[in-house]
Amino acid sequence: MEEITNYAKQKGVEMIMHNETGGSATNYDRHLDTAFRFMNKYSYNAVKTGYVGQITPRGEHHDGQWMIEHFVRVAEKAAQYQVMVNMHESVRPIGLNRTYPNWIANEAGRGNEWNAFSDGNTPEHETIMPFTRLMGGPMDLHSRYF
C-alpha cells in the first residue's frame, strides 16, 4: 500500500478506496472504524461502497429502512474520519447528501455493467439520465467502459 500511495502522490493522483461488501452490510458495519483508519493511514480521502448481491441480514432490501439506516451510519462514520462517500447500489437520492455533505454521490442508476447481464442499455437511456436521475441529486454513472 505504501508503494502504491507514494507512486500516486508522485503523479499528483488522489486515490479512492472501493469497499465492496458483497451485500453483507452487517459485516461492513463491524469493520467501519478499521476501514476508515486504514484509509486515513494511506491518505485515501474518499471511498466507493458497494452492495452487489442480496443484503445481509436476509430479507432486507437496498431501498428498505434498514439499509437507509446503514447508509447513514456509513456516512456518519466516514465524516468522523474526514472521508467522502460515494454509495454504489444505493438508494435513489432522498436528500441525505444535504445532511451529510461528505456523501458526495449515489450510483442509483442502471449503469453499463447491465450490458454484461442483459441486452444492455439503449442510447436513449444513456442520454436521458442527466434530465431524469440527476434531478434528484448527484450521481456516479459509469456510462462507458471497455
N, C-alpha and C. Protein backbone atom coordinates (compact mmCIF):
# COMPACT_ATOMS: atom_id res chain seq x y z
N MET A 1 0.82 -1.19 0.00
CA MET A 1 0.00 0.00 0.00
C MET A 1 0.86 1.25 0.00
N GLU A 2 1.93 1.22 0.77
CA GLU A 2 2.80 2.41 0.80
C GLU A 2 3.36 2.70 -0.57
N GLU A 3 3.76 1.67 -1.29
CA GLU A 3 4.33 1.86 -2.62
C GLU A 3 3.31 2.47 -3.58
N ILE A 4 2.10 1.95 -3.55
CA ILE A 4 1.04 2.49 -4.42
C ILE A 4 0.72 3.93 -4.04
N THR A 5 0.60 4.18 -2.74
CA THR A 5 0.29 5.53 -2.26
C THR A 5 1.37 6.51 -2.67
N ASN A 6 2.61 6.15 -2.48
CA ASN A 6 3.72 7.03 -2.86
C ASN A 6 3.76 7.27 -4.36
N TYR A 7 3.53 6.24 -5.15
CA TYR A 7 3.52 6.38 -6.60
C TYR A 7 2.42 7.36 -7.03
N ALA A 8 1.24 7.20 -6.46
CA ALA A 8 0.12 8.10 -6.80
C ALA A 8 0.47 9.54 -6.44
N LYS A 9 1.05 9.74 -5.26
CA LYS A 9 1.42 11.10 -4.84
C LYS A 9 2.43 11.71 -5.80
N GLN A 10 3.41 10.92 -6.24
CA GLN A 10 4.41 11.42 -7.19
C GLN A 10 3.76 11.88 -8.48
N LYS A 11 2.68 11.24 -8.87
CA LYS A 11 1.98 11.58 -10.11
C LYS A 11 0.89 12.63 -9.91
N GLY A 12 0.72 13.08 -8.66
CA GLY A 12 -0.32 14.06 -8.38
C GLY A 12 -1.72 13.48 -8.42
N VAL A 13 -1.84 12.19 -8.11
CA VAL A 13 -3.12 11.49 -8.18
C VAL A 13 -3.61 11.19 -6.77
N GLU A 14 -4.88 11.48 -6.52
CA GLU A 14 -5.51 11.07 -5.27
C GLU A 14 -6.33 9.82 -5.54
N MET A 15 -6.22 8.86 -4.67
CA MET A 15 -6.87 7.57 -4.88
C MET A 15 -8.19 7.51 -4.12
N ILE A 16 -9.09 6.66 -4.61
CA ILE A 16 -10.34 6.38 -3.93
C ILE A 16 -10.37 4.89 -3.60
N MET A 17 -10.76 4.58 -2.38
CA MET A 17 -10.85 3.19 -1.93
C MET A 17 -12.19 2.63 -2.39
N HIS A 18 -12.23 1.35 -2.75
CA HIS A 18 -13.51 0.69 -3.07
C HIS A 18 -13.73 -0.39 -2.03
N ASN A 19 -14.78 -0.25 -1.25
CA ASN A 19 -15.16 -1.26 -0.27
C ASN A 19 -16.39 -1.99 -0.77
N GLU A 20 -16.19 -3.12 -1.42
CA GLU A 20 -17.31 -3.94 -1.89
C GLU A 20 -17.71 -4.88 -0.76
N THR A 21 -18.97 -4.84 -0.37
CA THR A 21 -19.44 -5.63 0.76
C THR A 21 -20.03 -6.97 0.34
N GLY A 22 -20.30 -7.15 -0.96
CA GLY A 22 -20.99 -8.35 -1.40
C GLY A 22 -22.39 -8.45 -0.80
N GLY A 23 -22.94 -7.32 -0.40
CA GLY A 23 -24.27 -7.28 0.20
C GLY A 23 -24.27 -7.48 1.70
N SER A 24 -23.12 -7.79 2.29
CA SER A 24 -23.07 -8.05 3.73
C SER A 24 -22.87 -6.74 4.49
N ALA A 25 -23.94 -5.99 4.59
CA ALA A 25 -23.89 -4.70 5.28
C ALA A 25 -23.57 -4.86 6.76
N THR A 26 -24.05 -5.93 7.38
CA THR A 26 -23.77 -6.13 8.80
C THR A 26 -22.28 -6.34 9.03
N ASN A 27 -21.62 -7.07 8.16
CA ASN A 27 -20.18 -7.27 8.30
C ASN A 27 -19.43 -5.96 8.09
N TYR A 28 -19.86 -5.17 7.10
CA TYR A 28 -19.23 -3.87 6.86
C TYR A 28 -19.39 -2.96 8.07
N ASP A 29 -20.58 -2.97 8.68
CA ASP A 29 -20.79 -2.17 9.90
C ASP A 29 -19.75 -2.50 10.96
N ARG A 30 -19.45 -3.77 11.12
CA ARG A 30 -18.48 -4.19 12.15
C ARG A 30 -17.07 -3.70 11.88
N HIS A 31 -16.76 -3.41 10.61
CA HIS A 31 -15.39 -3.06 10.24
C HIS A 31 -15.21 -1.61 9.81
N LEU A 32 -16.20 -0.77 10.04
CA LEU A 32 -16.12 0.62 9.56
C LEU A 32 -14.92 1.36 10.15
N ASP A 33 -14.73 1.29 11.46
CA ASP A 33 -13.59 2.00 12.06
C ASP A 33 -12.27 1.53 11.48
N THR A 34 -12.12 0.23 11.35
CA THR A 34 -10.88 -0.33 10.79
C THR A 34 -10.67 0.15 9.36
N ALA A 35 -11.72 0.12 8.57
CA ALA A 35 -11.61 0.55 7.17
C ALA A 35 -11.23 2.02 7.06
N PHE A 36 -11.88 2.88 7.84
CA PHE A 36 -11.60 4.31 7.74
C PHE A 36 -10.25 4.67 8.33
N ARG A 37 -9.82 3.97 9.37
CA ARG A 37 -8.45 4.19 9.88
C ARG A 37 -7.42 3.82 8.82
N PHE A 38 -7.66 2.73 8.11
CA PHE A 38 -6.78 2.30 7.03
C PHE A 38 -6.71 3.38 5.95
N MET A 39 -7.87 3.92 5.58
CA MET A 39 -7.91 4.98 4.56
C MET A 39 -7.15 6.21 5.01
N ASN A 40 -7.32 6.60 6.26
CA ASN A 40 -6.58 7.75 6.78
C ASN A 40 -5.08 7.49 6.78
N LYS A 41 -4.68 6.30 7.17
CA LYS A 41 -3.26 5.95 7.22
C LYS A 41 -2.60 6.11 5.85
N TYR A 42 -3.32 5.73 4.79
CA TYR A 42 -2.74 5.77 3.45
C TYR A 42 -3.26 6.93 2.61
N SER A 43 -3.82 7.93 3.26
CA SER A 43 -4.23 9.19 2.61
C SER A 43 -5.34 9.03 1.57
N TYR A 44 -6.22 8.09 1.78
CA TYR A 44 -7.41 7.97 0.92
C TYR A 44 -8.48 8.86 1.54
N ASN A 45 -8.94 9.86 0.79
CA ASN A 45 -9.95 10.76 1.35
C ASN A 45 -11.35 10.46 0.83
N ALA A 46 -11.50 9.36 0.10
CA ALA A 46 -12.81 9.01 -0.44
C ALA A 46 -12.94 7.50 -0.56
N VAL A 47 -14.18 7.03 -0.43
CA VAL A 47 -14.47 5.61 -0.56
C VAL A 47 -15.72 5.43 -1.42
N LYS A 48 -15.68 4.42 -2.26
CA LYS A 48 -16.86 3.99 -3.01
C LYS A 48 -17.30 2.68 -2.36
N THR A 49 -18.50 2.68 -1.80
CA THR A 49 -19.01 1.46 -1.20
C THR A 49 -19.79 0.68 -2.24
N GLY A 50 -19.87 -0.61 -2.06
CA GLY A 50 -20.60 -1.46 -2.99
C GLY A 50 -21.43 -2.48 -2.24
N TYR A 51 -22.59 -2.79 -2.80
CA TYR A 51 -23.52 -3.72 -2.15
C TYR A 51 -24.11 -4.69 -3.17
N VAL A 52 -23.26 -5.27 -4.01
CA VAL A 52 -23.73 -6.21 -5.01
C VAL A 52 -24.16 -7.49 -4.30
N GLY A 53 -25.35 -7.95 -4.60
CA GLY A 53 -25.83 -9.19 -4.01
C GLY A 53 -26.99 -8.96 -3.07
N GLN A 54 -27.46 -10.07 -2.50
CA GLN A 54 -28.56 -9.98 -1.54
C GLN A 54 -28.05 -9.38 -0.25
N ILE A 55 -28.86 -8.52 0.32
CA ILE A 55 -28.46 -7.83 1.54
C ILE A 55 -28.51 -8.78 2.73
N THR A 56 -27.48 -8.72 3.54
CA THR A 56 -27.44 -9.43 4.81
C THR A 56 -27.61 -8.37 5.89
N PRO A 57 -28.59 -8.43 6.76
CA PRO A 57 -29.39 -9.61 7.08
C PRO A 57 -30.42 -9.92 6.01
N ARG A 58 -30.71 -11.20 5.88
CA ARG A 58 -31.67 -11.68 4.88
C ARG A 58 -33.02 -11.00 5.06
N GLY A 59 -33.64 -10.75 3.93
CA GLY A 59 -34.97 -10.14 3.96
C GLY A 59 -34.95 -8.63 3.86
N GLU A 60 -33.79 -8.02 4.04
CA GLU A 60 -33.69 -6.56 3.90
C GLU A 60 -33.43 -6.24 2.43
N HIS A 61 -33.74 -5.02 2.04
CA HIS A 61 -33.64 -4.61 0.64
C HIS A 61 -32.83 -3.33 0.52
N HIS A 62 -32.23 -3.11 -0.65
CA HIS A 62 -31.42 -1.91 -0.88
C HIS A 62 -32.18 -0.64 -0.54
N ASP A 63 -33.47 -0.59 -0.86
CA ASP A 63 -34.27 0.62 -0.64
C ASP A 63 -35.06 0.60 0.67
N GLY A 64 -34.83 -0.39 1.51
CA GLY A 64 -35.57 -0.51 2.76
C GLY A 64 -35.00 0.37 3.87
N GLN A 65 -35.79 0.53 4.93
CA GLN A 65 -35.39 1.39 6.05
C GLN A 65 -34.10 0.91 6.70
N TRP A 66 -33.93 -0.41 6.83
CA TRP A 66 -32.73 -0.92 7.47
C TRP A 66 -31.48 -0.48 6.71
N MET A 67 -31.53 -0.54 5.38
CA MET A 67 -30.37 -0.13 4.58
C MET A 67 -30.19 1.39 4.59
N ILE A 68 -31.29 2.15 4.61
CA ILE A 68 -31.16 3.61 4.73
C ILE A 68 -30.39 3.93 6.00
N GLU A 69 -30.74 3.27 7.09
CA GLU A 69 -30.04 3.50 8.36
C GLU A 69 -28.58 3.07 8.25
N HIS A 70 -28.31 2.00 7.52
CA HIS A 70 -26.92 1.58 7.31
C HIS A 70 -26.15 2.64 6.53
N PHE A 71 -26.73 3.15 5.44
CA PHE A 71 -26.06 4.18 4.65
C PHE A 71 -25.77 5.41 5.51
N VAL A 72 -26.69 5.78 6.38
CA VAL A 72 -26.47 6.92 7.28
C VAL A 72 -25.32 6.61 8.24
N ARG A 73 -25.28 5.39 8.79
CA ARG A 73 -24.17 5.02 9.68
C ARG A 73 -22.83 5.14 8.96
N VAL A 74 -22.79 4.68 7.72
CA VAL A 74 -21.55 4.77 6.94
C VAL A 74 -21.16 6.23 6.72
N ALA A 75 -22.12 7.07 6.34
CA ALA A 75 -21.83 8.49 6.10
C ALA A 75 -21.35 9.17 7.38
N GLU A 76 -22.00 8.87 8.50
CA GLU A 76 -21.60 9.48 9.78
C GLU A 76 -20.20 9.03 10.18
N LYS A 77 -19.93 7.75 10.06
CA LYS A 77 -18.60 7.24 10.44
C LYS A 77 -17.53 7.80 9.51
N ALA A 78 -17.82 7.87 8.23
CA ALA A 78 -16.86 8.44 7.27
C ALA A 78 -16.57 9.89 7.61
N ALA A 79 -17.58 10.64 8.00
CA ALA A 79 -17.38 12.05 8.36
C ALA A 79 -16.45 12.18 9.56
N GLN A 80 -16.56 11.27 10.51
CA GLN A 80 -15.67 11.30 11.67
C GLN A 80 -14.21 11.17 11.25
N TYR A 81 -13.96 10.46 10.16
CA TYR A 81 -12.61 10.26 9.65
C TYR A 81 -12.28 11.18 8.48
N GLN A 82 -13.17 12.13 8.20
CA GLN A 82 -13.00 13.09 7.10
C GLN A 82 -12.82 12.38 5.75
N VAL A 83 -13.69 11.42 5.50
CA VAL A 83 -13.67 10.65 4.26
C VAL A 83 -14.98 10.91 3.51
N MET A 84 -14.89 11.17 2.22
CA MET A 84 -16.07 11.31 1.37
C MET A 84 -16.58 9.93 0.99
N VAL A 85 -17.90 9.83 0.76
CA VAL A 85 -18.52 8.54 0.44
C VAL A 85 -19.30 8.65 -0.87
N ASN A 86 -19.08 7.68 -1.74
CA ASN A 86 -19.85 7.50 -2.96
C ASN A 86 -20.51 6.14 -2.83
N MET A 87 -21.82 6.12 -2.57
CA MET A 87 -22.53 4.86 -2.32
C MET A 87 -22.99 4.24 -3.63
N HIS A 88 -22.51 3.04 -3.90
CA HIS A 88 -22.98 2.30 -5.07
C HIS A 88 -24.03 1.28 -4.64
N GLU A 89 -24.88 0.90 -5.61
CA GLU A 89 -26.02 0.03 -5.31
C GLU A 89 -26.80 0.59 -4.13
N SER A 90 -26.96 1.88 -4.14
CA SER A 90 -27.58 2.59 -3.03
C SER A 90 -28.99 3.02 -3.40
N VAL A 91 -29.60 3.76 -2.52
CA VAL A 91 -30.94 4.29 -2.75
C VAL A 91 -30.89 5.48 -3.69
N ARG A 92 -32.04 5.77 -4.27
CA ARG A 92 -32.15 7.00 -5.05
C ARG A 92 -31.95 8.17 -4.10
N PRO A 93 -31.54 9.31 -4.60
CA PRO A 93 -31.31 10.46 -3.71
C PRO A 93 -32.58 10.84 -2.94
N ILE A 94 -32.43 10.98 -1.64
CA ILE A 94 -33.56 11.38 -0.80
C ILE A 94 -33.19 12.55 0.10
N GLY A 95 -32.15 13.29 -0.29
CA GLY A 95 -31.77 14.48 0.46
C GLY A 95 -30.71 14.27 1.51
N LEU A 96 -30.27 13.04 1.72
CA LEU A 96 -29.29 12.79 2.78
C LEU A 96 -27.94 13.43 2.48
N ASN A 97 -27.63 13.66 1.20
CA ASN A 97 -26.35 14.31 0.89
C ASN A 97 -26.35 15.76 1.36
N ARG A 98 -27.51 16.33 1.64
CA ARG A 98 -27.56 17.68 2.22
C ARG A 98 -27.26 17.62 3.71
N THR A 99 -27.72 16.57 4.36
CA THR A 99 -27.44 16.39 5.79
C THR A 99 -26.00 15.96 6.00
N TYR A 100 -25.49 15.13 5.10
CA TYR A 100 -24.13 14.60 5.18
C TYR A 100 -23.36 15.06 3.94
N PRO A 101 -22.73 16.22 3.99
CA PRO A 101 -22.05 16.75 2.79
C PRO A 101 -20.88 15.89 2.32
N ASN A 102 -20.41 14.97 3.15
CA ASN A 102 -19.35 14.06 2.71
C ASN A 102 -19.92 12.92 1.86
N TRP A 103 -21.23 12.79 1.80
CA TRP A 103 -21.91 11.80 0.96
C TRP A 103 -22.04 12.44 -0.41
N ILE A 104 -21.04 12.24 -1.26
CA ILE A 104 -20.93 13.04 -2.48
C ILE A 104 -21.79 12.55 -3.63
N ALA A 105 -22.15 11.27 -3.65
CA ALA A 105 -22.96 10.77 -4.77
C ALA A 105 -23.52 9.40 -4.44
N ASN A 106 -24.57 9.05 -5.17
CA ASN A 106 -25.13 7.70 -5.19
C ASN A 106 -25.06 7.22 -6.63
N GLU A 107 -24.86 5.96 -6.81
CA GLU A 107 -24.99 5.42 -8.16
C GLU A 107 -26.48 5.45 -8.52
N ALA A 108 -27.26 4.59 -7.92
CA ALA A 108 -28.72 4.60 -8.05
C ALA A 108 -29.20 4.83 -9.48
N GLY A 109 -28.59 4.13 -10.39
CA GLY A 109 -28.98 4.19 -11.79
C GLY A 109 -28.47 2.96 -12.50
N ARG A 110 -29.04 2.68 -13.60
CA ARG A 110 -28.65 1.48 -14.35
C ARG A 110 -27.43 1.80 -15.19
N GLY A 111 -26.26 1.43 -14.68
CA GLY A 111 -25.01 1.67 -15.39
C GLY A 111 -24.72 0.59 -16.42
N ASN A 112 -23.59 0.69 -17.04
CA ASN A 112 -23.29 -0.22 -18.14
C ASN A 112 -22.83 -1.60 -17.73
N GLU A 113 -22.74 -1.88 -16.42
CA GLU A 113 -22.50 -3.27 -16.04
C GLU A 113 -23.68 -4.13 -16.48
N TRP A 114 -24.84 -3.50 -16.69
CA TRP A 114 -26.01 -4.23 -17.17
C TRP A 114 -25.78 -4.79 -18.57
N ASN A 115 -24.86 -4.22 -19.31
CA ASN A 115 -24.58 -4.73 -20.65
C ASN A 115 -24.06 -6.16 -20.60
N ALA A 116 -23.48 -6.55 -19.47
CA ALA A 116 -22.96 -7.91 -19.32
C ALA A 116 -24.05 -8.90 -18.92
N PHE A 117 -25.15 -8.41 -18.32
CA PHE A 117 -26.17 -9.29 -17.76
C PHE A 117 -27.48 -9.31 -18.54
N SER A 118 -27.60 -8.45 -19.54
CA SER A 118 -28.88 -8.33 -20.25
C SER A 118 -28.60 -7.85 -21.67
N ASP A 119 -29.63 -7.37 -22.32
CA ASP A 119 -29.44 -6.79 -23.65
C ASP A 119 -28.76 -5.43 -23.59
N GLY A 120 -28.54 -4.94 -22.39
CA GLY A 120 -27.82 -3.69 -22.23
C GLY A 120 -28.71 -2.47 -22.23
N ASN A 121 -28.07 -1.34 -22.03
CA ASN A 121 -28.77 -0.06 -22.00
C ASN A 121 -28.86 0.50 -23.41
N THR A 122 -29.97 1.12 -23.69
CA THR A 122 -30.15 1.74 -25.00
C THR A 122 -29.49 3.12 -25.01
N PRO A 123 -29.18 3.64 -26.18
CA PRO A 123 -28.65 5.01 -26.25
C PRO A 123 -29.62 6.02 -25.62
N GLU A 124 -30.92 5.77 -25.75
CA GLU A 124 -31.90 6.68 -25.16
C GLU A 124 -31.76 6.72 -23.63
N HIS A 125 -31.51 5.55 -23.04
CA HIS A 125 -31.33 5.50 -21.59
C HIS A 125 -30.14 6.37 -21.18
N GLU A 126 -29.06 6.23 -21.90
CA GLU A 126 -27.84 6.98 -21.56
C GLU A 126 -28.05 8.48 -21.68
N THR A 127 -28.77 8.91 -22.70
CA THR A 127 -28.90 10.35 -22.94
C THR A 127 -29.97 11.01 -22.09
N ILE A 128 -30.89 10.23 -21.53
CA ILE A 128 -31.95 10.83 -20.71
C ILE A 128 -31.55 10.95 -19.25
N MET A 129 -30.53 10.21 -18.81
CA MET A 129 -30.13 10.21 -17.40
C MET A 129 -29.88 11.61 -16.83
N PRO A 130 -29.19 12.50 -17.53
CA PRO A 130 -28.97 13.83 -16.94
C PRO A 130 -30.27 14.59 -16.66
N PHE A 131 -31.31 14.26 -17.40
CA PHE A 131 -32.57 15.00 -17.27
C PHE A 131 -33.58 14.31 -16.36
N THR A 132 -33.28 13.09 -15.96
CA THR A 132 -34.21 12.36 -15.09
C THR A 132 -33.53 12.06 -13.76
N ARG A 133 -32.61 11.17 -13.73
CA ARG A 133 -31.98 10.74 -12.49
C ARG A 133 -31.25 11.87 -11.78
N LEU A 134 -30.57 12.72 -12.51
CA LEU A 134 -29.79 13.80 -11.89
C LEU A 134 -30.67 14.90 -11.31
N MET A 135 -31.95 14.88 -11.58
CA MET A 135 -32.85 15.85 -10.95
C MET A 135 -32.89 15.65 -9.44
N GLY A 136 -32.64 14.43 -8.99
CA GLY A 136 -32.72 14.12 -7.56
C GLY A 136 -31.47 14.42 -6.78
N GLY A 137 -30.34 14.47 -7.45
CA GLY A 137 -29.09 14.70 -6.74
C GLY A 137 -27.91 14.13 -7.50
N PRO A 138 -26.72 14.29 -6.93
CA PRO A 138 -25.50 13.85 -7.62
C PRO A 138 -25.47 12.34 -7.84
N MET A 139 -24.85 11.96 -8.95
CA MET A 139 -24.84 10.57 -9.36
C MET A 139 -23.45 10.15 -9.83
N ASP A 140 -23.12 8.91 -9.59
CA ASP A 140 -21.92 8.32 -10.16
C ASP A 140 -22.40 7.29 -11.18
N LEU A 141 -22.31 7.64 -12.44
CA LEU A 141 -22.75 6.75 -13.51
C LEU A 141 -21.55 6.39 -14.37
N HIS A 142 -21.26 5.13 -14.47
CA HIS A 142 -20.17 4.66 -15.32
C HIS A 142 -20.77 4.31 -16.67
N SER A 143 -20.90 5.34 -17.48
CA SER A 143 -21.63 5.16 -18.73
C SER A 143 -20.82 4.47 -19.83
N ARG A 144 -19.54 4.48 -19.77
CA ARG A 144 -18.73 3.81 -20.80
C ARG A 144 -17.51 3.16 -20.16
N TYR A 145 -17.32 1.91 -20.48
CA TYR A 145 -16.07 1.23 -20.15
C TYR A 145 -15.91 0.06 -21.09
N PHE A 146 -14.69 -0.41 -21.19
CA PHE A 146 -14.38 -1.47 -22.14
C PHE A 146 -13.63 -2.59 -21.45
